[in-house]
Amino acid sequence: ENIDKSSIYRITLITFIIGLVFFDLI
């Protein structure tokens, strides 16, 4: 939904952070 509102760096950084958090929680 917000891919067109942020830069590719921010989206990629948030993706990695959330992926790290979810993976560690699971």
mmCIF file of all heavy atoms, coordinates in Angstrom:
data_MODEL
# 
_entry.id   MODEL 
# 
loop_
_atom_site.group_PDB 
_atom_site.id 
_atom_site.type_symbol 
_atom_site.label_atom_id 
_atom_site.label_alt_id 
_atom_site.label_comp_id 
_atom_site.label_asym_id 
_atom_site.label_entity_id 
_atom_site.label_seq_id 
_atom_site.pdbx_PDB_ins_code 
_atom_site.Cartn_x 
_atom_site.Cartn_y 
_atom_site.Cartn_z 
_atom_site.occupancy 
_atom_site.B_iso_or_equiv 
_atom_site.pdbx_formal_charge 
_atom_site.auth_seq_id 
_atom_site.auth_comp_id 
_atom_site.auth_asym_id 
_atom_site.auth_atom_id 
_atom_site.pdbx_PDB_model_num 
ATOM 1   N N   . GLU A 1 1  ? 0.817  -1.204  0.000  1.00 0.00 ? 1  GLU A N   1 
ATOM 2   C CA  . GLU A 1 1  ? 0.000  0.000   0.000  1.00 0.00 ? 1  GLU A CA  1 
ATOM 3   C C   . GLU A 1 1  ? 0.858  1.265   0.000  1.00 0.00 ? 1  GLU A C   1 
ATOM 4   O O   . GLU A 1 1  ? 0.465  2.301   -0.548 1.00 0.00 ? 1  GLU A O   1 
ATOM 5   C CB  . GLU A 1 1  ? -0.911 0.013   1.233  1.00 0.00 ? 1  GLU A CB  1 
ATOM 6   C CG  . GLU A 1 1  ? -2.042 -0.991  1.141  1.00 0.00 ? 1  GLU A CG  1 
ATOM 7   C CD  . GLU A 1 1  ? -2.900 -0.972  2.394  1.00 0.00 ? 1  GLU A CD  1 
ATOM 8   O OE1 . GLU A 1 1  ? -2.569 -0.189  3.326  1.00 0.00 ? 1  GLU A OE1 1 
ATOM 9   O OE2 . GLU A 1 1  ? -3.877 -1.746  2.470  1.00 0.00 ? 1  GLU A OE2 1 
ATOM 10  N N   . ASN A 1 2  ? 2.028  1.200   0.641  1.00 0.00 ? 2  ASN A N   1 
ATOM 11  C CA  . ASN A 1 2  ? 2.851  2.408   0.783  1.00 0.00 ? 2  ASN A CA  1 
ATOM 12  C C   . ASN A 1 2  ? 4.128  2.362   -0.050 1.00 0.00 ? 2  ASN A C   1 
ATOM 13  O O   . ASN A 1 2  ? 5.079  3.108   0.217  1.00 0.00 ? 2  ASN A O   1 
ATOM 14  C CB  . ASN A 1 2  ? 3.221  2.603   2.254  1.00 0.00 ? 2  ASN A CB  1 
ATOM 15  C CG  . ASN A 1 2  ? 2.010  2.799   3.135  1.00 0.00 ? 2  ASN A CG  1 
ATOM 16  O OD1 . ASN A 1 2  ? 1.383  3.852   3.121  1.00 0.00 ? 2  ASN A OD1 1 
ATOM 17  N ND2 . ASN A 1 2  ? 1.660  1.760   3.899  1.00 0.00 ? 2  ASN A ND2 1 
ATOM 18  N N   . ILE A 1 3  ? 4.174  1.474   -0.986 1.00 0.00 ? 3  ILE A N   1 
ATOM 19  C CA  . ILE A 1 3  ? 5.388  1.334   -1.784 1.00 0.00 ? 3  ILE A CA  1 
ATOM 20  C C   . ILE A 1 3  ? 5.694  2.594   -2.605 1.00 0.00 ? 3  ILE A C   1 
ATOM 21  O O   . ILE A 1 3  ? 6.842  2.910   -2.896 1.00 0.00 ? 3  ILE A O   1 
ATOM 22  C CB  . ILE A 1 3  ? 5.288  0.091   -2.695 1.00 0.00 ? 3  ILE A CB  1 
ATOM 23  C CG1 . ILE A 1 3  ? 6.672  -0.209  -3.279 1.00 0.00 ? 3  ILE A CG1 1 
ATOM 24  C CG2 . ILE A 1 3  ? 4.241  0.274   -3.785 1.00 0.00 ? 3  ILE A CG2 1 
ATOM 25  C CD1 . ILE A 1 3  ? 6.703  -1.547  -4.019 1.00 0.00 ? 3  ILE A CD1 1 
ATOM 26  N N   . ASP A 1 4  ? 4.653  3.315   -2.972 1.00 0.00 ? 4  ASP A N   1 
ATOM 27  C CA  . ASP A 1 4  ? 4.851  4.513   -3.787 1.00 0.00 ? 4  ASP A CA  1 
ATOM 28  C C   . ASP A 1 4  ? 5.100  5.773   -2.943 1.00 0.00 ? 4  ASP A C   1 
ATOM 29  O O   . ASP A 1 4  ? 5.342  6.839   -3.479 1.00 0.00 ? 4  ASP A O   1 
ATOM 30  C CB  . ASP A 1 4  ? 3.631  4.747   -4.686 1.00 0.00 ? 4  ASP A CB  1 
ATOM 31  C CG  . ASP A 1 4  ? 2.361  4.908   -3.873 1.00 0.00 ? 4  ASP A CG  1 
ATOM 32  O OD1 . ASP A 1 4  ? 2.357  4.423   -2.692 1.00 0.00 ? 4  ASP A OD1 1 
ATOM 33  O OD2 . ASP A 1 4  ? 1.389  5.464   -4.364 1.00 0.00 ? 4  ASP A OD2 1 
ATOM 34  N N   . LYS A 1 5  ? 5.002  5.668   -1.616 1.00 0.00 ? 5  LYS A N   1 
ATOM 35  C CA  . LYS A 1 5  ? 5.144  6.822   -0.741 1.00 0.00 ? 5  LYS A CA  1 
ATOM 36  C C   . LYS A 1 5  ? 6.517  6.912   -0.082 1.00 0.00 ? 5  LYS A C   1 
ATOM 37  O O   . LYS A 1 5  ? 6.813  7.907   0.562  1.00 0.00 ? 5  LYS A O   1 
ATOM 38  C CB  . LYS A 1 5  ? 4.060  6.783   0.354  1.00 0.00 ? 5  LYS A CB  1 
ATOM 39  C CG  . LYS A 1 5  ? 2.657  6.841   -0.194 1.00 0.00 ? 5  LYS A CG  1 
ATOM 40  C CD  . LYS A 1 5  ? 1.655  6.756   0.942  1.00 0.00 ? 5  LYS A CD  1 
ATOM 41  C CE  . LYS A 1 5  ? 0.224  6.772   0.402  1.00 0.00 ? 5  LYS A CE  1 
ATOM 42  N NZ  . LYS A 1 5  ? -0.775 6.664   1.479  1.00 0.00 ? 5  LYS A NZ  1 
ATOM 43  N N   . SER A 1 6  ? 7.311  5.838   -0.113 1.00 0.00 ? 6  SER A N   1 
ATOM 44  C CA  . SER A 1 6  ? 8.620  5.838   0.550  1.00 0.00 ? 6  SER A CA  1 
ATOM 45  C C   . SER A 1 6  ? 9.687  5.459   -0.440 1.00 0.00 ? 6  SER A C   1 
ATOM 46  O O   . SER A 1 6  ? 9.418  4.850   -1.487 1.00 0.00 ? 6  SER A O   1 
ATOM 47  C CB  . SER A 1 6  ? 8.623  4.842   1.721  1.00 0.00 ? 6  SER A CB  1 
ATOM 48  O OG  . SER A 1 6  ? 7.647  5.189   2.657  1.00 0.00 ? 6  SER A OG  1 
ATOM 49  N N   . SER A 1 7  ? 10.916 5.768   -0.011 1.00 0.00 ? 7  SER A N   1 
ATOM 50  C CA  . SER A 1 7  ? 12.044 5.398   -0.859 1.00 0.00 ? 7  SER A CA  1 
ATOM 51  C C   . SER A 1 7  ? 12.326 3.913   -0.732 1.00 0.00 ? 7  SER A C   1 
ATOM 52  O O   . SER A 1 7  ? 11.906 3.260   0.205  1.00 0.00 ? 7  SER A O   1 
ATOM 53  C CB  . SER A 1 7  ? 13.273 6.217   -0.446 1.00 0.00 ? 7  SER A CB  1 
ATOM 54  O OG  . SER A 1 7  ? 13.706 5.830   0.853  1.00 0.00 ? 7  SER A OG  1 
ATOM 55  N N   . ILE A 1 8  ? 13.048 3.394   -1.715 1.00 0.00 ? 8  ILE A N   1 
ATOM 56  C CA  . ILE A 1 8  ? 13.377 1.975   -1.719 1.00 0.00 ? 8  ILE A CA  1 
ATOM 57  C C   . ILE A 1 8  ? 14.254 1.586   -0.545 1.00 0.00 ? 8  ILE A C   1 
ATOM 58  O O   . ILE A 1 8  ? 14.169 0.474   -0.009 1.00 0.00 ? 8  ILE A O   1 
ATOM 59  C CB  . ILE A 1 8  ? 14.058 1.598   -3.052 1.00 0.00 ? 8  ILE A CB  1 
ATOM 60  C CG1 . ILE A 1 8  ? 14.192 0.077   -3.154 1.00 0.00 ? 8  ILE A CG1 1 
ATOM 61  C CG2 . ILE A 1 8  ? 15.413 2.291   -3.188 1.00 0.00 ? 8  ILE A CG2 1 
ATOM 62  C CD1 . ILE A 1 8  ? 14.678 -0.367  -4.529 1.00 0.00 ? 8  ILE A CD1 1 
ATOM 63  N N   . TYR A 1 9  ? 15.091 2.548   -0.055 1.00 0.00 ? 9  TYR A N   1 
ATOM 64  C CA  . TYR A 1 9  ? 15.950 2.250   1.087  1.00 0.00 ? 9  TYR A CA  1 
ATOM 65  C C   . TYR A 1 9  ? 15.131 2.024   2.362  1.00 0.00 ? 9  TYR A C   1 
ATOM 66  O O   . TYR A 1 9  ? 15.386 1.094   3.119  1.00 0.00 ? 9  TYR A O   1 
ATOM 67  C CB  . TYR A 1 9  ? 16.943 3.411   1.307  1.00 0.00 ? 9  TYR A CB  1 
ATOM 68  C CG  . TYR A 1 9  ? 17.838 3.676   0.132  1.00 0.00 ? 9  TYR A CG  1 
ATOM 69  C CD1 . TYR A 1 9  ? 17.663 4.814   -0.668 1.00 0.00 ? 9  TYR A CD1 1 
ATOM 70  C CD2 . TYR A 1 9  ? 18.865 2.781   -0.166 1.00 0.00 ? 9  TYR A CD2 1 
ATOM 71  C CE1 . TYR A 1 9  ? 18.476 5.057   -1.749 1.00 0.00 ? 9  TYR A CE1 1 
ATOM 72  C CE2 . TYR A 1 9  ? 19.686 3.037   -1.260 1.00 0.00 ? 9  TYR A CE2 1 
ATOM 73  C CZ  . TYR A 1 9  ? 19.493 4.160   -2.038 1.00 0.00 ? 9  TYR A CZ  1 
ATOM 74  O OH  . TYR A 1 9  ? 20.311 4.381   -3.091 1.00 0.00 ? 9  TYR A OH  1 
ATOM 75  N N   . ARG A 1 10 ? 14.163 2.913   2.580  1.00 0.00 ? 10 ARG A N   1 
ATOM 76  C CA  . ARG A 1 10 ? 13.346 2.805   3.798  1.00 0.00 ? 10 ARG A CA  1 
ATOM 77  C C   . ARG A 1 10 ? 12.502 1.540   3.775  1.00 0.00 ? 10 ARG A C   1 
ATOM 78  O O   . ARG A 1 10 ? 12.388 0.839   4.794  1.00 0.00 ? 10 ARG A O   1 
ATOM 79  C CB  . ARG A 1 10 ? 12.474 4.046   3.918  1.00 0.00 ? 10 ARG A CB  1 
ATOM 80  C CG  . ARG A 1 10 ? 11.689 4.099   5.207  1.00 0.00 ? 10 ARG A CG  1 
ATOM 81  C CD  . ARG A 1 10 ? 10.918 5.387   5.310  1.00 0.00 ? 10 ARG A CD  1 
ATOM 82  N NE  . ARG A 1 10 ? 11.840 6.535   5.343  1.00 0.00 ? 10 ARG A NE  1 
ATOM 83  C CZ  . ARG A 1 10 ? 11.452 7.792   5.328  1.00 0.00 ? 10 ARG A CZ  1 
ATOM 84  N NH1 . ARG A 1 10 ? 10.150 8.088   5.240  1.00 0.00 ? 10 ARG A NH1 1 
ATOM 85  N NH2 . ARG A 1 10 ? 12.330 8.765   5.383  1.00 0.00 ? 10 ARG A NH2 1 
ATOM 86  N N   . ILE A 1 11 ? 11.887 1.267   2.600  1.00 0.00 ? 11 ILE A N   1 
ATOM 87  C CA  . ILE A 1 11 ? 11.039 0.057   2.525  1.00 0.00 ? 11 ILE A CA  1 
ATOM 88  C C   . ILE A 1 11 ? 11.874 -1.192  2.735  1.00 0.00 ? 11 ILE A C   1 
ATOM 89  O O   . ILE A 1 11 ? 11.497 -2.112  3.473  1.00 0.00 ? 11 ILE A O   1 
ATOM 90  C CB  . ILE A 1 11 ? 10.320 0.017   1.167  1.00 0.00 ? 11 ILE A CB  1 
ATOM 91  C CG1 . ILE A 1 11 ? 9.319  1.182   1.064  1.00 0.00 ? 11 ILE A CG1 1 
ATOM 92  C CG2 . ILE A 1 11 ? 9.616  -1.311  0.970  1.00 0.00 ? 11 ILE A CG2 1 
ATOM 93  C CD1 . ILE A 1 11 ? 8.680  1.332   -0.301 1.00 0.00 ? 11 ILE A CD1 1 
ATOM 94  N N   . THR A 1 12 ? 13.058 -1.219  2.115  1.00 0.00 ? 12 THR A N   1 
ATOM 95  C CA  . THR A 1 12 ? 13.918 -2.411  2.243  1.00 0.00 ? 12 THR A CA  1 
ATOM 96  C C   . THR A 1 12 ? 14.406 -2.565  3.685  1.00 0.00 ? 12 THR A C   1 
ATOM 97  O O   . THR A 1 12 ? 14.434 -3.672  4.235  1.00 0.00 ? 12 THR A O   1 
ATOM 98  C CB  . THR A 1 12 ? 15.119 -2.306  1.289  1.00 0.00 ? 12 THR A CB  1 
ATOM 99  O OG1 . THR A 1 12 ? 14.640 -2.094  -0.039 1.00 0.00 ? 12 THR A OG1 1 
ATOM 100 C CG2 . THR A 1 12 ? 15.954 -3.563  1.345  1.00 0.00 ? 12 THR A CG2 1 
ATOM 101 N N   . LEU A 1 13 ? 14.791 -1.446  4.320  1.00 0.00 ? 13 LEU A N   1 
ATOM 102 C CA  . LEU A 1 13 ? 15.279 -1.493  5.698  1.00 0.00 ? 13 LEU A CA  1 
ATOM 103 C C   . LEU A 1 13 ? 14.192 -1.995  6.653  1.00 0.00 ? 13 LEU A C   1 
ATOM 104 O O   . LEU A 1 13 ? 14.429 -2.875  7.497  1.00 0.00 ? 13 LEU A O   1 
ATOM 105 C CB  . LEU A 1 13 ? 15.766 -0.097  6.122  1.00 0.00 ? 13 LEU A CB  1 
ATOM 106 C CG  . LEU A 1 13 ? 16.288 0.005   7.570  1.00 0.00 ? 13 LEU A CG  1 
ATOM 107 C CD1 . LEU A 1 13 ? 17.506 -0.880  7.757  1.00 0.00 ? 13 LEU A CD1 1 
ATOM 108 C CD2 . LEU A 1 13 ? 16.620 1.465   7.900  1.00 0.00 ? 13 LEU A CD2 1 
ATOM 109 N N   . ILE A 1 14 ? 12.980 -1.459  6.506  1.00 0.00 ? 14 ILE A N   1 
ATOM 110 C CA  . ILE A 1 14 ? 11.868 -1.891  7.370  1.00 0.00 ? 14 ILE A CA  1 
ATOM 111 C C   . ILE A 1 14 ? 11.533 -3.357  7.120  1.00 0.00 ? 14 ILE A C   1 
ATOM 112 O O   . ILE A 1 14 ? 11.225 -4.112  8.046  1.00 0.00 ? 14 ILE A O   1 
ATOM 113 C CB  . ILE A 1 14 ? 10.648 -0.986  7.131  1.00 0.00 ? 14 ILE A CB  1 
ATOM 114 C CG1 . ILE A 1 14 ? 10.950 0.431   7.617  1.00 0.00 ? 14 ILE A CG1 1 
ATOM 115 C CG2 . ILE A 1 14 ? 9.421  -1.536  7.855  1.00 0.00 ? 14 ILE A CG2 1 
ATOM 116 C CD1 . ILE A 1 14 ? 9.874  1.444   7.280  1.00 0.00 ? 14 ILE A CD1 1 
ATOM 117 N N   . THR A 1 15 ? 11.635 -3.754  5.863  1.00 0.00 ? 15 THR A N   1 
ATOM 118 C CA  . THR A 1 15 ? 11.343 -5.160  5.543  1.00 0.00 ? 15 THR A CA  1 
ATOM 119 C C   . THR A 1 15 ? 12.317 -6.091  6.258  1.00 0.00 ? 15 THR A C   1 
ATOM 120 O O   . THR A 1 15 ? 11.917 -7.106  6.858  1.00 0.00 ? 15 THR A O   1 
ATOM 121 C CB  . THR A 1 15 ? 11.432 -5.385  4.022  1.00 0.00 ? 15 THR A CB  1 
ATOM 122 O OG1 . THR A 1 15 ? 10.489 -4.522  3.373  1.00 0.00 ? 15 THR A OG1 1 
ATOM 123 C CG2 . THR A 1 15 ? 11.146 -6.829  3.681  1.00 0.00 ? 15 THR A CG2 1 
ATOM 124 N N   . PHE A 1 16 ? 13.593 -5.760  6.195  1.00 0.00 ? 16 PHE A N   1 
ATOM 125 C CA  . PHE A 1 16 ? 14.595 -6.604  6.877  1.00 0.00 ? 16 PHE A CA  1 
ATOM 126 C C   . PHE A 1 16 ? 14.399 -6.614  8.398  1.00 0.00 ? 16 PHE A C   1 
ATOM 127 O O   . PHE A 1 16 ? 14.506 -7.665  9.050  1.00 0.00 ? 16 PHE A O   1 
ATOM 128 C CB  . PHE A 1 16 ? 16.014 -6.124  6.536  1.00 0.00 ? 16 PHE A CB  1 
ATOM 129 C CG  . PHE A 1 16 ? 16.513 -6.614  5.216  1.00 0.00 ? 16 PHE A CG  1 
ATOM 130 C CD1 . PHE A 1 16 ? 16.902 -5.719  4.207  1.00 0.00 ? 16 PHE A CD1 1 
ATOM 131 C CD2 . PHE A 1 16 ? 16.625 -7.986  4.957  1.00 0.00 ? 16 PHE A CD2 1 
ATOM 132 C CE1 . PHE A 1 16 ? 17.368 -6.180  2.995  1.00 0.00 ? 16 PHE A CE1 1 
ATOM 133 C CE2 . PHE A 1 16 ? 17.082 -8.421  3.732  1.00 0.00 ? 16 PHE A CE2 1 
ATOM 134 C CZ  . PHE A 1 16 ? 17.461 -7.545  2.735  1.00 0.00 ? 16 PHE A CZ  1 
ATOM 135 N N   . ILE A 1 17 ? 14.107 -5.445  8.949  1.00 0.00 ? 17 ILE A N   1 
ATOM 136 C CA  . ILE A 1 17 ? 13.922 -5.364  10.416 1.00 0.00 ? 17 ILE A CA  1 
ATOM 137 C C   . ILE A 1 17 ? 12.713 -6.191  10.859 1.00 0.00 ? 17 ILE A C   1 
ATOM 138 O O   . ILE A 1 17 ? 12.766 -6.988  11.817 1.00 0.00 ? 17 ILE A O   1 
ATOM 139 C CB  . ILE A 1 17 ? 13.780 -3.898  10.853 1.00 0.00 ? 17 ILE A CB  1 
ATOM 140 C CG1 . ILE A 1 17 ? 15.101 -3.163  10.643 1.00 0.00 ? 17 ILE A CG1 1 
ATOM 141 C CG2 . ILE A 1 17 ? 13.359 -3.813  12.325 1.00 0.00 ? 17 ILE A CG2 1 
ATOM 142 C CD1 . ILE A 1 17 ? 15.022 -1.654  10.896 1.00 0.00 ? 17 ILE A CD1 1 
ATOM 143 N N   . ILE A 1 18 ? 11.575 -5.979  10.155 1.00 0.00 ? 18 ILE A N   1 
ATOM 144 C CA  . ILE A 1 18 ? 10.370 -6.743  10.528 1.00 0.00 ? 18 ILE A CA  1 
ATOM 145 C C   . ILE A 1 18 ? 10.590 -8.223  10.304 1.00 0.00 ? 18 ILE A C   1 
ATOM 146 O O   . ILE A 1 18 ? 10.169 -9.078  11.109 1.00 0.00 ? 18 ILE A O   1 
ATOM 147 C CB  . ILE A 1 18 ? 9.157  -6.222  9.739  1.00 0.00 ? 18 ILE A CB  1 
ATOM 148 C CG1 . ILE A 1 18 ? 8.835  -4.778  10.150 1.00 0.00 ? 18 ILE A CG1 1 
ATOM 149 C CG2 . ILE A 1 18 ? 7.955  -7.116  9.968  1.00 0.00 ? 18 ILE A CG2 1 
ATOM 150 C CD1 . ILE A 1 18 ? 7.727  -4.144  9.343  1.00 0.00 ? 18 ILE A CD1 1 
ATOM 151 N N   . GLY A 1 19 ? 11.257 -8.612  9.213  1.00 0.00 ? 19 GLY A N   1 
ATOM 152 C CA  . GLY A 1 19 ? 11.556 -10.023 8.971  1.00 0.00 ? 19 GLY A CA  1 
ATOM 153 C C   . GLY A 1 19 ? 12.410 -10.615 10.070 1.00 0.00 ? 19 GLY A C   1 
ATOM 154 O O   . GLY A 1 19 ? 12.175 -11.743 10.532 1.00 0.00 ? 19 GLY A O   1 
ATOM 155 N N   . LEU A 1 20 ? 13.428 -9.823  10.538 1.00 0.00 ? 20 LEU A N   1 
ATOM 156 C CA  . LEU A 1 20 ? 14.286 -10.296 11.641 1.00 0.00 ? 20 LEU A CA  1 
ATOM 157 C C   . LEU A 1 20 ? 13.481 -10.499 12.924 1.00 0.00 ? 20 LEU A C   1 
ATOM 158 O O   . LEU A 1 20 ? 13.618 -11.517 13.614 1.00 0.00 ? 20 LEU A O   1 
ATOM 159 C CB  . LEU A 1 20 ? 15.414 -9.284  11.870 1.00 0.00 ? 20 LEU A CB  1 
ATOM 160 C CG  . LEU A 1 20 ? 16.387 -9.597  13.016 1.00 0.00 ? 20 LEU A CG  1 
ATOM 161 C CD1 . LEU A 1 20 ? 17.140 -10.881 12.727 1.00 0.00 ? 20 LEU A CD1 1 
ATOM 162 C CD2 . LEU A 1 20 ? 17.368 -8.446  13.228 1.00 0.00 ? 20 LEU A CD2 1 
ATOM 163 N N   . VAL A 1 21 ? 12.602 -9.500  13.213 1.00 0.00 ? 21 VAL A N   1 
ATOM 164 C CA  . VAL A 1 21 ? 11.785 -9.604  14.431 1.00 0.00 ? 21 VAL A CA  1 
ATOM 165 C C   . VAL A 1 21 ? 10.843 -10.808 14.363 1.00 0.00 ? 21 VAL A C   1 
ATOM 166 O O   . VAL A 1 21 ? 10.748 -11.601 15.309 1.00 0.00 ? 21 VAL A O   1 
ATOM 167 C CB  . VAL A 1 21 ? 11.007 -8.301  14.655 1.00 0.00 ? 21 VAL A CB  1 
ATOM 168 C CG1 . VAL A 1 21 ? 9.997  -8.465  15.783 1.00 0.00 ? 21 VAL A CG1 1 
ATOM 169 C CG2 . VAL A 1 21 ? 11.964 -7.145  14.944 1.00 0.00 ? 21 VAL A CG2 1 
ATOM 170 N N   . PHE A 1 22 ? 10.144 -10.969 13.253 1.00 0.00 ? 22 PHE A N   1 
ATOM 171 C CA  . PHE A 1 22 ? 9.189  -12.090 13.133 1.00 0.00 ? 22 PHE A CA  1 
ATOM 172 C C   . PHE A 1 22 ? 9.908  -13.432 13.157 1.00 0.00 ? 22 PHE A C   1 
ATOM 173 O O   . PHE A 1 22 ? 9.442  -14.396 13.796 1.00 0.00 ? 22 PHE A O   1 
ATOM 174 C CB  . PHE A 1 22 ? 8.365  -11.939 11.848 1.00 0.00 ? 22 PHE A CB  1 
ATOM 175 C CG  . PHE A 1 22 ? 7.136  -11.116 12.027 1.00 0.00 ? 22 PHE A CG  1 
ATOM 176 C CD1 . PHE A 1 22 ? 7.091  -9.783  11.629 1.00 0.00 ? 22 PHE A CD1 1 
ATOM 177 C CD2 . PHE A 1 22 ? 6.002  -11.663 12.600 1.00 0.00 ? 22 PHE A CD2 1 
ATOM 178 C CE1 . PHE A 1 22 ? 5.962  -9.026  11.808 1.00 0.00 ? 22 PHE A CE1 1 
ATOM 179 C CE2 . PHE A 1 22 ? 4.871  -10.893 12.774 1.00 0.00 ? 22 PHE A CE2 1 
ATOM 180 C CZ  . PHE A 1 22 ? 4.835  -9.567  12.377 1.00 0.00 ? 22 PHE A CZ  1 
ATOM 181 N N   . PHE A 1 23 ? 11.027 -13.506 12.484 1.00 0.00 ? 23 PHE A N   1 
ATOM 182 C CA  . PHE A 1 23 ? 11.753 -14.775 12.474 1.00 0.00 ? 23 PHE A CA  1 
ATOM 183 C C   . PHE A 1 23 ? 12.225 -15.153 13.875 1.00 0.00 ? 23 PHE A C   1 
ATOM 184 O O   . PHE A 1 23 ? 12.083 -16.313 14.295 1.00 0.00 ? 23 PHE A O   1 
ATOM 185 C CB  . PHE A 1 23 ? 12.946 -14.681 11.506 1.00 0.00 ? 23 PHE A CB  1 
ATOM 186 C CG  . PHE A 1 23 ? 13.751 -15.947 11.455 1.00 0.00 ? 23 PHE A CG  1 
ATOM 187 C CD1 . PHE A 1 23 ? 13.320 -17.037 10.694 1.00 0.00 ? 23 PHE A CD1 1 
ATOM 188 C CD2 . PHE A 1 23 ? 14.939 -16.072 12.181 1.00 0.00 ? 23 PHE A CD2 1 
ATOM 189 C CE1 . PHE A 1 23 ? 14.064 -18.216 10.666 1.00 0.00 ? 23 PHE A CE1 1 
ATOM 190 C CE2 . PHE A 1 23 ? 15.676 -17.244 12.145 1.00 0.00 ? 23 PHE A CE2 1 
ATOM 191 C CZ  . PHE A 1 23 ? 15.244 -18.324 11.387 1.00 0.00 ? 23 PHE A CZ  1 
ATOM 192 N N   . ASP A 1 24 ? 12.763 -14.172 14.595 1.00 0.00 ? 24 ASP A N   1 
ATOM 193 C CA  . ASP A 1 24 ? 13.236 -14.463 15.947 1.00 0.00 ? 24 ASP A CA  1 
ATOM 194 C C   . ASP A 1 24 ? 12.083 -14.811 16.885 1.00 0.00 ? 24 ASP A C   1 
ATOM 195 O O   . ASP A 1 24 ? 12.206 -15.695 17.747 1.00 0.00 ? 24 ASP A O   1 
ATOM 196 C CB  . ASP A 1 24 ? 14.015 -13.267 16.500 1.00 0.00 ? 24 ASP A CB  1 
ATOM 197 C CG  . ASP A 1 24 ? 15.380 -13.112 15.838 1.00 0.00 ? 24 ASP A CG  1 
ATOM 198 O OD1 . ASP A 1 24 ? 15.796 -14.069 15.147 1.00 0.00 ? 24 ASP A OD1 1 
ATOM 199 O OD2 . ASP A 1 24 ? 16.023 -12.057 16.017 1.00 0.00 ? 24 ASP A OD2 1 
ATOM 200 N N   . LEU A 1 25 ? 10.950 -14.126 16.743 1.00 0.00 ? 25 LEU A N   1 
ATOM 201 C CA  . LEU A 1 25 ? 9.786  -14.454 17.587 1.00 0.00 ? 25 LEU A CA  1 
ATOM 202 C C   . LEU A 1 25 ? 9.303  -15.873 17.328 1.00 0.00 ? 25 LEU A C   1 
ATOM 203 O O   . LEU A 1 25 ? 9.013  -16.638 18.263 1.00 0.00 ? 25 LEU A O   1 
ATOM 204 C CB  . LEU A 1 25 ? 8.654  -13.439 17.335 1.00 0.00 ? 25 LEU A CB  1 
ATOM 205 C CG  . LEU A 1 25 ? 8.850  -12.045 17.924 1.00 0.00 ? 25 LEU A CG  1 
ATOM 206 C CD1 . LEU A 1 25 ? 7.699  -11.129 17.484 1.00 0.00 ? 25 LEU A CD1 1 
ATOM 207 C CD2 . LEU A 1 25 ? 8.919  -12.113 19.440 1.00 0.00 ? 25 LEU A CD2 1 
ATOM 208 N N   . ILE A 1 26 ? 9.181  -16.223 16.047 1.00 0.00 ? 26 ILE A N   1 
ATOM 209 C CA  . ILE A 1 26 ? 8.732  -17.582 15.709 1.00 0.00 ? 26 ILE A CA  1 
ATOM 210 C C   . ILE A 1 26 ? 9.746  -18.616 16.194 1.00 0.00 ? 26 ILE A C   1 
ATOM 211 O O   . ILE A 1 26 ? 9.389  -19.682 16.721 1.00 0.00 ? 26 ILE A O   1 
ATOM 212 C CB  . ILE A 1 26 ? 8.485  -17.699 14.194 1.00 0.00 ? 26 ILE A CB  1 
ATOM 213 C CG1 . ILE A 1 26 ? 7.310  -16.795 13.783 1.00 0.00 ? 26 ILE A CG1 1 
ATOM 214 C CG2 . ILE A 1 26 ? 8.207  -19.143 13.802 1.00 0.00 ? 26 ILE A CG2 1 
ATOM 215 C CD1 . ILE A 1 26 ? 7.101  -16.699 12.281 1.00 0.00 ? 26 ILE A CD1 1 
# 
